[in-house]
C-alpha atoms as a PDB file:
ATOM      1  CA  MET A   1      -0.095   0.083   0.026  1.00  0.00           C
ATOM      2  CA  ARG A   2       2.583   2.137   0.775  1.00  0.00           C
ATOM      3  CA  ALA A   3       4.625   1.940  -2.544  1.00  0.00           C
ATOM      4  CA  VAL A   4       0.904   2.819  -4.223  1.00  0.00           C
ATOM      5  CA  SER A   5       1.007   6.049  -2.080  1.00  0.00           C
ATOM      6  CA  GLU A   6       4.390   7.103  -2.851  1.00  0.00           C
ATOM      7  CA  LEU A   7       3.611   6.564  -6.667  1.00  0.00           C
ATOM      8  CA  VAL A   8       0.574   8.495  -6.674  1.00  0.00           C
ATOM      9  CA  SER A   9       2.091  11.397  -4.761  1.00  0.00           C
ATOM     10  CA  ALA A  10       5.085  11.405  -7.206  1.00  0.00           C
ATOM     11  CA  ALA A  11       2.426  11.491 -10.105  1.00  0.00           C
ATOM     12  CA  LEU A  12       0.525  14.212  -8.923  1.00  0.00           C
ATOM     13  CA  LEU A  13       3.772  16.145  -7.909  1.00  0.00           C
ATOM     14  CA  ALA A  14       4.944  15.619 -11.650  1.00  0.00           C
ATOM     15  CA  LEU A  15       1.475  16.752 -12.930  1.00  0.00           C
ATOM     16  CA  ILE A  16       1.486  19.941 -10.796  1.00  0.00           C
ATOM     17  CA  ALA A  17       5.192  20.758 -11.799  1.00  0.00           C
ATOM     18  CA  ILE A  18       4.155  20.096 -15.702  1.00  0.00           C
ATOM     19  CA  THR A  19       1.002  22.329 -15.238  1.00  0.00           C
ATOM     20  CA  VAL A  20       2.696  25.266 -13.725  1.00  0.00           C
ATOM     21  CA  GLY A  21       5.865  24.926 -16.314  1.00  0.00           C
ATOM     22  CA  GLY A  22       3.196  24.969 -18.887  1.00  0.00           C
ATOM     23  CA  PHE A  23       1.285  27.862 -17.740  1.00  0.00           C
ATOM     24  CA  VAL A  24       4.658  29.742 -17.411  1.00  0.00           C
ATOM     25  CA  VAL A  25       5.594  28.708 -21.064  1.00  0.00           C
ATOM     26  CA  ALA A  26       2.000  30.039 -22.240  1.00  0.00           C
ATOM     27  CA  MET A  27       2.667  33.360 -20.389  1.00  0.00           C
ATOM     28  CA  LEU A  28       6.130  34.098 -21.856  1.00  0.00           C
ATOM     29  CA  VAL A  29       4.765  32.999 -25.493  1.00  0.00           C
ATOM     30  CA  ASN A  30       1.869  35.514 -25.092  1.00  0.00           C
ATOM     31  CA  ASN A  31       4.196  38.440 -23.835  1.00  0.00           C
ATOM     32  CA  LEU A  32       6.782  37.440 -26.895  1.00  0.00           C
ATOM     33  CA  VAL A  33       3.832  37.883 -29.148  1.00  0.00           C
ATOM     34  CA  GLN A  34       2.473  41.020 -27.686  1.00  0.00           C
ATOM     35  CA  GLN A  35       5.903  42.441 -28.015  1.00  0.00           C
ATOM     36  CA  GLN A  36       6.181  41.280 -31.595  1.00  0.00           C
ATOM     37  CA  GLY A  37       3.002  42.823 -32.400  1.00  0.00           C
ATOM     38  CA  ARG A  38       3.956  46.163 -30.963  1.00  0.00           C
ATOM     39  CA  LEU A  39       7.317  46.182 -32.780  1.00  0.00           C
ATOM     40  CA  GLN A  40       5.477  45.460 -36.100  1.00  0.00           C
ATOM     41  CA  GLU A  41       3.239  48.417 -35.428  1.00  0.00           C
ATOM     42  CA  GLU A  42       6.030  50.775 -34.719  1.00  0.00           C
ATOM     43  CA  ILE A  43       7.992  49.459 -38.065  1.00  0.00           C
ATOM     44  CA  VAL A  44       4.818  50.334 -40.046  1.00  0.00           C
ATOM     45  CA  ARG A  45       4.402  53.842 -38.350  1.00  0.00           C
ATOM     46  CA  ASN A  46       8.144  54.479 -39.164  1.00  0.00           C
ATOM     47  CA  ILE A  47       7.902  53.522 -42.511  1.00  0.00           C
ATOM     48  CA  TYR A  48       4.665  55.552 -43.243  1.00  0.00           C
ATOM     49  CA  ALA A  49       6.292  58.524 -41.471  1.00  0.00           C
ATOM     50  CA  THR A  50       9.501  58.470 -43.746  1.00  0.00           C
ATOM     51  CA  ARG A  51       7.333  58.396 -46.752  1.00  0.00           C
ATOM     52  CA  GLN A  52       5.569  61.501 -45.717  1.00  0.00           C
ATOM     53  CA  ALA A  53       7.233  64.589 -47.565  1.00  0.00           C
ATOM     54  CA  ILE A  54       6.470  68.341 -47.633  1.00  0.00           C
ATOM     55  CA  GLY A  55       8.460  70.623 -49.974  1.00  0.00           C
ATOM     56  CA  ILE A  56       8.392  74.555 -49.475  1.00  0.00           C
ATOM     57  CA  VAL A  57       7.561  75.973 -52.922  1.00  0.00           C
ATOM     58  CA  LEU A  58       7.850  79.849 -51.858  1.00  0.00           C
ATOM     59  CA  ALA A  59       8.442  81.708 -48.599  1.00  0.00           C
ATOM     60  CA  ARG A  60       7.899  85.308 -48.152  1.00  0.00           C
ATOM     61  CA  VAL A  61       6.536  88.203 -46.134  1.00  0.00           C
ATOM     62  CA  ASP A  62       3.631  89.987 -47.483  1.00  0.00           C
ATOM     63  CA  ASN A  63       3.008  93.921 -47.750  1.00  0.00           C
ATOM     64  CA  THR A  64       1.069  93.631 -44.134  1.00  0.00           C
ATOM     65  CA  GLY A  65       4.031  91.570 -42.441  1.00  0.00           C
ATOM     66  CA  ARG A  66       2.217  88.083 -42.491  1.00  0.00           C
ATOM     67  CA  VAL A  67       4.410  85.101 -43.117  1.00  0.00           C
ATOM     68  CA  GLU A  68       3.181  83.348 -46.095  1.00  0.00           C
ATOM     69  CA  VAL A  69       4.783  79.632 -46.882  1.00  0.00           C
ATOM     70  CA  VAL A  70       3.528  77.716 -50.172  1.00  0.00           C
ATOM     71  CA  ILE A  71       4.115  74.079 -49.597  1.00  0.00           C
ATOM     72  CA  ALA A  72       3.495  70.860 -51.701  1.00  0.00           C
ATOM     73  CA  THR A  73       2.814  67.265 -50.385  1.00  0.00           C
ATOM     74  CA  GLY A  74       4.370  64.050 -51.481  1.00  0.00           C
ATOM     75  CA  ASP A  75       2.441  60.881 -52.361  1.00  0.00           C
ATOM     76  CA  THR A  76       1.283  60.321 -48.703  1.00  0.00           C
ATOM     77  CA  PRO A  77      -1.282  62.048 -46.521  1.00  0.00           C
ATOM     78  CA  THR A  78       1.037  64.482 -44.423  1.00  0.00           C
ATOM     79  CA  PRO A  79      -0.145  66.484 -41.223  1.00  0.00           C
ATOM     80  CA  ILE A  80       1.561  69.317 -40.058  1.00  0.00           C
ATOM     81  CA  GLN A  81       2.254  69.043 -36.421  1.00  0.00           C
ATOM     82  CA  ALA A  82       3.866  72.685 -35.747  1.00  0.00           C
ATOM     83  CA  VAL A  83       4.996  75.825 -37.285  1.00  0.00           C
ATOM     84  CA  TYR A  84       8.097  77.901 -35.890  1.00  0.00           C
ATOM     85  CA  ILE A  85       8.788  81.148 -37.071  1.00  0.00           C
ATOM     86  CA  ASN A  86      12.360  82.000 -35.499  1.00  0.00           C
ATOM     87  CA  GLY A  87      12.089  79.325 -32.788  1.00  0.00           C
ATOM     88  CA  THR A  88       9.011  80.431 -31.511  1.00  0.00           C
ATOM     89  CA  PRO A  89       5.715  78.648 -32.195  1.00  0.00           C
ATOM     90  CA  ALA A  90       3.414  80.257 -34.418  1.00  0.00           C
ATOM     91  CA  ASP A  91      -0.338  80.540 -34.770  1.00  0.00           C
ATOM     92  CA  CYS A  92      -0.838  79.852 -38.603  1.00  0.00           C
ATOM     93  CA  ASN A  93      -3.704  79.083 -40.847  1.00  0.00           C
ATOM     94  CA  ILE A  94      -3.387  76.442 -43.441  1.00  0.00           C
ATOM     95  CA  THR A  95      -5.346  76.685 -46.516  1.00  0.00           C
ATOM     96  CA  LEU A  96      -5.516  74.252 -49.425  1.00  0.00           C
ATOM     97  CA  THR A  97      -5.448  75.259 -52.902  1.00  0.00           C
ATOM     98  CA  ASN A  98      -9.254  74.348 -53.258  1.00  0.00           C
ATOM     99  CA  GLY A  99     -10.121  76.838 -50.308  1.00  0.00           C
ATOM    100  CA  ASP A 100     -10.457  74.294 -47.402  1.00  0.00           C
ATOM    101  CA  THR A 101      -8.798  75.057 -44.402  1.00  0.00           C
ATOM    102  CA  VAL A 102      -6.809  72.489 -42.361  1.00  0.00           C
ATOM    103  CA  ALA A 103      -5.995  72.294 -38.880  1.00  0.00           C
ATOM    104  CA  TYR A 104      -2.743  71.237 -37.252  1.00  0.00           C
ATOM    105  CA  GLY A 105      -2.595  67.492 -37.098  1.00  0.00           C
ATOM    106  CA  ALA A 106      -5.131  66.845 -39.972  1.00  0.00           C
ATOM    107  CA  PRO A 107      -3.605  65.320 -42.908  1.00  0.00           C
ATOM    108  CA  ILE A 108      -3.040  67.238 -45.963  1.00  0.00           C
ATOM    109  CA  PRO A 109      -3.980  65.168 -49.031  1.00  0.00           C
ATOM    110  CA  PRO A 110      -1.177  63.751 -51.265  1.00  0.00           C
ATOM    111  CA  TYR A 111       0.182  65.929 -54.207  1.00  0.00           C
ATOM    112  CA  THR A 112      -1.640  68.964 -52.843  1.00  0.00           C
ATOM    113  CA  ALA A 113      -0.288  72.583 -52.459  1.00  0.00           C
ATOM    114  CA  ALA A 114      -1.239  74.586 -49.763  1.00  0.00           C
ATOM    115  CA  VAL A 115      -0.526  78.047 -48.205  1.00  0.00           C
ATOM    116  CA  ILE A 116       0.551  78.610 -44.426  1.00  0.00           C
ATOM    117  CA  ARG A 117      -0.066  82.109 -43.279  1.00  0.00           C
ATOM    118  CA  CYS A 118       1.213  83.188 -40.132  1.00  0.00           C
ATOM    119  CA  THR A 119       1.730  86.252 -37.950  1.00  0.00           C
ATOM    120  CA  PRO A 120       5.028  86.492 -36.890  1.00  0.00           C
ATOM    121  CA  PRO A 121       5.800  86.774 -33.359  1.00  0.00           C
ATOM    122  CA  SER A 122       8.172  89.857 -33.586  1.00  0.00           C
ATOM    123  CA  GLY A 123       8.717  92.851 -36.024  1.00  0.00           C
ATOM    124  CA  ALA A 124       9.597  92.606 -39.804  1.00  0.00           C
ATOM    125  CA  GLY A 125      11.437  89.956 -41.667  1.00  0.00           C
ATOM    126  CA  PRO A 126      13.618  88.127 -42.766  1.00  0.00           C
ATOM    127  CA  HIS A 127      11.946  85.259 -40.500  1.00  0.00           C
ATOM    128  CA  VAL A 128      13.340  81.630 -40.447  1.00  0.00           C
ATOM    129  CA  VAL A 129      10.224  79.464 -40.954  1.00  0.00           C
ATOM    130  CA  ARG A 130      10.210  75.607 -39.819  1.00  0.00           C
ATOM    131  CA  ILE A 131       7.673  73.482 -40.610  1.00  0.00           C
ATOM    132  CA  VAL A 132       7.621  70.281 -38.649  1.00  0.00           C
ATOM    133  CA  TYR A 133       5.466  67.253 -39.655  1.00  0.00           C
ATOM    134  CA  PRO A 134       6.054  63.534 -38.689  1.00  0.00           C
ATOM    135  CA  GLY A 135       8.275  62.453 -41.515  1.00  0.00           C
ATOM    136  CA  GLY A 136      10.821  65.345 -40.326  1.00  0.00           C
ATOM    137  CA  ALA A 137      10.933  69.157 -40.767  1.00  0.00           C
ATOM    138  CA  VAL A 138      11.824  71.546 -43.554  1.00  0.00           C
ATOM    139  CA  THR A 139      13.045  75.348 -43.164  1.00  0.00           C
ATOM    140  CA  ALA A 140      12.976  78.188 -45.209  1.00  0.00           C
ATOM    141  CA  LEU A 141      13.901  81.785 -44.894  1.00  0.00           C
ATOM    142  CA  ALA A 142      10.856  84.227 -45.350  1.00  0.00           C
ATOM    143  CA  GLU A 143      11.914  87.873 -46.824  1.00  0.00           C
END
């Protein structure tokens, strides 16, 4: 009787150890799969951001002292995150060529020209204008 009891307890102990080990392995695999998914999402975001492009066509100061910058976008919708004039964040209006107004962070459609009009934080030009978007930043001198 005693030998059977020892065999049963050894089998139960082995079964508990295997169950706990399986649970730990399942948790590790689940964690790795989640991390792989996050990494793939980050890679896709970075690839998408590098395809976003803005080119400055014209930068000038108009006769009222406002800064006007004409931009063109590439083949991917591109949001403008910020506009800086002489290193200071500027309050600007973004108008597409069809007359629609776009807010900061809203994507500008691909292959579109837009006019950015800003009131400079300080006096007359020239002004260094920096436009920041997810794929980088472009800078121009407005005179």
